[in-house]
Protein backbone atom coordinates (compact mmCIF):
# COMPACT_ATOMS: atom_id res chain seq x y z
CA MET A 1 -3.83 112.55 43.20
CA ARG A 2 -4.13 110.76 40.17
CA ALA A 3 -6.67 107.46 40.89
CA LEU A 4 -7.76 105.32 38.20
CA LEU A 5 -10.22 102.49 38.31
CA VAL A 6 -10.22 99.74 35.77
CA CYS A 7 -13.50 97.30 35.82
CA ALA A 8 -14.56 94.59 33.46
CA THR A 9 -18.15 94.45 33.73
CA ILE A 10 -19.39 92.00 31.65
CA HIS A 11 -23.21 90.73 32.08
CA HIS A 12 -25.16 92.96 34.52
CA GLY A 13 -23.44 96.52 35.08
CA ASN A 14 -23.45 95.77 38.81
CA THR A 15 -19.09 96.04 39.19
CA MET A 16 -19.74 99.76 36.81
CA ARG A 17 -21.84 100.68 39.39
CA VAL A 18 -19.93 99.88 42.56
CA ALA A 19 -16.70 101.57 40.76
CA GLU A 20 -18.13 104.38 39.29
CA ALA A 21 -19.26 105.07 43.98
CA ILE A 22 -15.73 105.11 44.10
CA ALA A 23 -14.11 106.52 41.40
CA ASP A 24 -16.98 109.46 42.68
CA GLU A 25 -15.62 109.75 46.28
CA LEU A 26 -11.90 109.49 44.51
CA GLY A 27 -12.12 112.26 41.80
CA ALA A 28 -10.68 109.12 39.23
CA GLU A 29 -11.28 108.35 36.27
CA VAL A 30 -13.04 104.70 35.42
CA ARG A 31 -11.52 103.24 32.76
CA ARG A 32 -11.91 98.73 31.41
CA PRO A 33 -9.16 97.07 30.94
CA TRP A 34 -8.96 96.69 27.64
CA GLU A 35 -8.89 101.37 27.44
CA VAL A 36 -6.12 101.00 29.75
CA SER A 37 -1.94 99.80 28.81
CA ALA A 38 -0.24 97.75 31.38
CA ASP A 39 2.65 101.52 31.04
CA GLU A 40 -0.04 103.13 31.90
CA LEU A 41 -1.23 102.15 35.24
CA GLY A 42 2.85 102.74 36.90
CA ARG A 43 1.45 106.65 35.88
CA TYR A 44 -1.49 106.35 38.34
CA GLU A 45 -0.85 107.09 42.64
CA LEU A 46 -3.41 104.58 43.70
CA VAL A 47 -4.77 101.69 41.19
CA GLY A 48 -7.90 100.28 41.40
CA LEU A 49 -8.82 96.96 40.17
CA GLY A 50 -12.56 95.62 39.70
CA SER A 51 -14.73 92.86 38.46
CA GLY A 52 -18.23 90.60 38.54
CA ILE A 53 -15.78 87.27 40.11
CA TYR A 54 -16.10 83.90 37.37
CA TYR A 55 -15.88 81.07 39.12
CA GLY A 56 -13.77 82.11 42.23
CA ARG A 57 -11.59 84.65 39.76
CA HIS A 58 -11.70 88.02 38.56
CA HIS A 59 -11.92 88.14 35.35
CA SER A 60 -9.64 86.90 33.06
CA SER A 61 -8.74 90.78 31.40
CA LEU A 62 -7.50 92.22 34.38
CA PHE A 63 -4.86 89.64 35.35
CA LYS A 64 -3.92 90.02 31.30
CA LEU A 65 -3.38 93.77 32.37
CA VAL A 66 -0.96 93.19 35.75
CA ARG A 67 1.16 90.72 34.18
CA ARG A 68 2.34 93.03 32.38
CA ALA A 69 3.27 96.53 34.16
CA ARG A 70 5.36 97.61 36.64
CA LEU A 71 3.44 99.00 39.63
CA ILE A 72 6.65 100.00 41.40
CA GLY A 73 5.48 102.73 43.95
CA VAL A 74 1.96 102.72 42.64
CA ARG A 75 -1.25 101.86 45.91
CA ALA A 76 -3.87 99.83 44.91
CA PHE A 77 -7.07 98.17 45.78
CA VAL A 78 -9.14 95.65 44.49
CA LEU A 79 -13.24 94.74 43.82
CA TYR A 80 -15.36 93.00 42.99
CA THR A 81 -19.53 92.26 43.26
CA SER A 82 -20.44 88.51 43.40
CA GLY A 83 -23.31 86.02 43.30
CA PHE A 84 -22.80 84.42 47.01
CA PRO A 85 -20.69 85.52 49.98
CA ARG A 86 -16.81 85.73 50.37
CA VAL A 87 -15.42 82.13 51.41
CA PRO A 88 -11.80 83.14 53.41
CA VAL A 89 -11.97 79.46 54.54
CA LEU A 90 -11.48 78.79 50.74
CA ASN A 91 -8.48 81.54 50.11
CA GLY A 92 -10.93 83.91 48.95
CA CYS A 93 -12.45 86.19 45.82
CA ASP A 94 -9.77 88.73 46.22
CA ALA A 95 -6.49 86.56 46.52
CA SER A 96 -5.41 85.68 43.03
CA LEU A 97 -5.43 89.70 42.44
CA LYS A 98 -4.04 90.84 45.48
CA ARG A 99 -0.64 88.13 45.16
CA LEU A 100 -0.47 89.05 41.64
CA LEU A 101 -0.29 93.15 42.60
CA ALA A 102 1.73 92.35 45.10
CA GLU A 103 4.60 90.19 43.28
CA ARG A 104 4.05 93.13 40.15
CA GLY A 105 5.16 95.58 42.36
CA ALA A 106 1.88 97.17 44.12
CA GLU A 107 1.07 98.07 47.59
CA VAL A 108 -1.90 96.00 48.09
CA LEU A 109 -4.40 98.79 51.06
CA ASP A 110 -7.37 96.55 50.97
CA SER A 111 -10.88 95.08 48.96
CA PHE A 112 -14.50 96.04 48.95
CA GLY A 113 -16.99 93.27 48.01
CA CYS A 114 -20.68 93.25 47.63
CA ARG A 115 -23.01 91.06 45.85
CA GLY A 116 -24.30 91.86 42.70
CA TYR A 117 -27.19 90.06 40.32
CA CYS A 118 -26.71 86.73 39.24
CA ASP A 119 -28.00 84.86 36.58
CA TYR A 120 -25.62 82.42 35.33
CA GLY A 121 -26.07 78.99 33.79
CA PRO A 122 -28.85 77.62 35.99
CA LEU A 123 -29.77 80.47 37.83
CA LYS A 124 -31.17 82.10 35.18
CA LEU A 125 -34.53 78.78 35.92
CA VAL A 126 -34.70 80.55 38.74
CA GLY A 127 -34.53 84.03 37.69
CA GLY A 128 -31.29 84.65 38.68
CA ILE A 129 -29.92 85.75 42.61
CA ASN A 130 -29.92 89.39 44.51
CA ARG A 131 -31.83 91.12 42.30
CA ASP A 132 -31.50 94.37 44.40
CA ARG A 133 -27.84 94.30 44.46
CA PRO A 134 -25.43 96.27 44.91
CA SER A 135 -28.25 97.69 46.51
CA GLU A 136 -28.42 101.67 47.85
CA GLU A 137 -26.62 100.26 51.37
CA ASP A 138 -23.90 98.23 48.76
CA LEU A 139 -23.37 101.97 47.10
CA GLU A 140 -22.65 103.57 50.10
CA ALA A 141 -20.41 101.41 51.73
CA ALA A 142 -18.36 101.07 48.76
CA LYS A 143 -18.10 105.51 49.55
CA ALA A 144 -17.47 103.98 52.88
CA PHE A 145 -14.59 102.54 51.21
CA ALA A 146 -13.79 105.40 49.31
CA ARG A 147 -13.19 107.80 51.70
CA ARG A 148 -11.98 104.87 54.58
CA LEU A 149 -9.09 105.02 52.10
CA MET A 150 -8.19 108.67 51.33
CA GLU A 151 -8.07 108.87 54.46
CA ARG A 152 -5.44 106.22 55.29
CA LEU A 153 -3.72 107.62 51.73
CA ALA A 154 -3.75 111.83 54.28
CA HIS A 155 -2.18 110.02 57.17
CA PRO A 156 0.10 107.09 56.29
CA SER A 157 1.83 106.69 59.67
CA ALA A 158 -1.20 106.22 60.90
CA ASN A 159 -2.07 103.34 59.76
CA THR A 160 0.93 101.30 61.28
């Protein structure tokens, strides 16, 4: 299966560590959004898109890439790291990217997120939060997520 993870990691490399753990399990390559053309996305069977969360959303480079892509027949998933927990009642930090992927024709399978070290703005004054994240447990959870994705893709009838 041809798989690609597109990862925009800007500050501390948190999301890249998670993306690499997932990619190792999937046998996928990891590239940055500015290294991938919109046309390329449609050539993969499975595409993962991830970044840290900035003001409640994924990095703008992912949205820019997906808006130009035609993803009919592509299966996709979303990943993220965030200094703060996901708040589903506020529509969740992954909802807008998942919605855009679906609008562009992708079958959105799932999402994976974990906490990440954050020292943005006033958090820098206290040395940041989640200094030890993503942890080894987070990376193991990311690998387990990848294995569940592979199982789901291998046995699609079991998912109904």
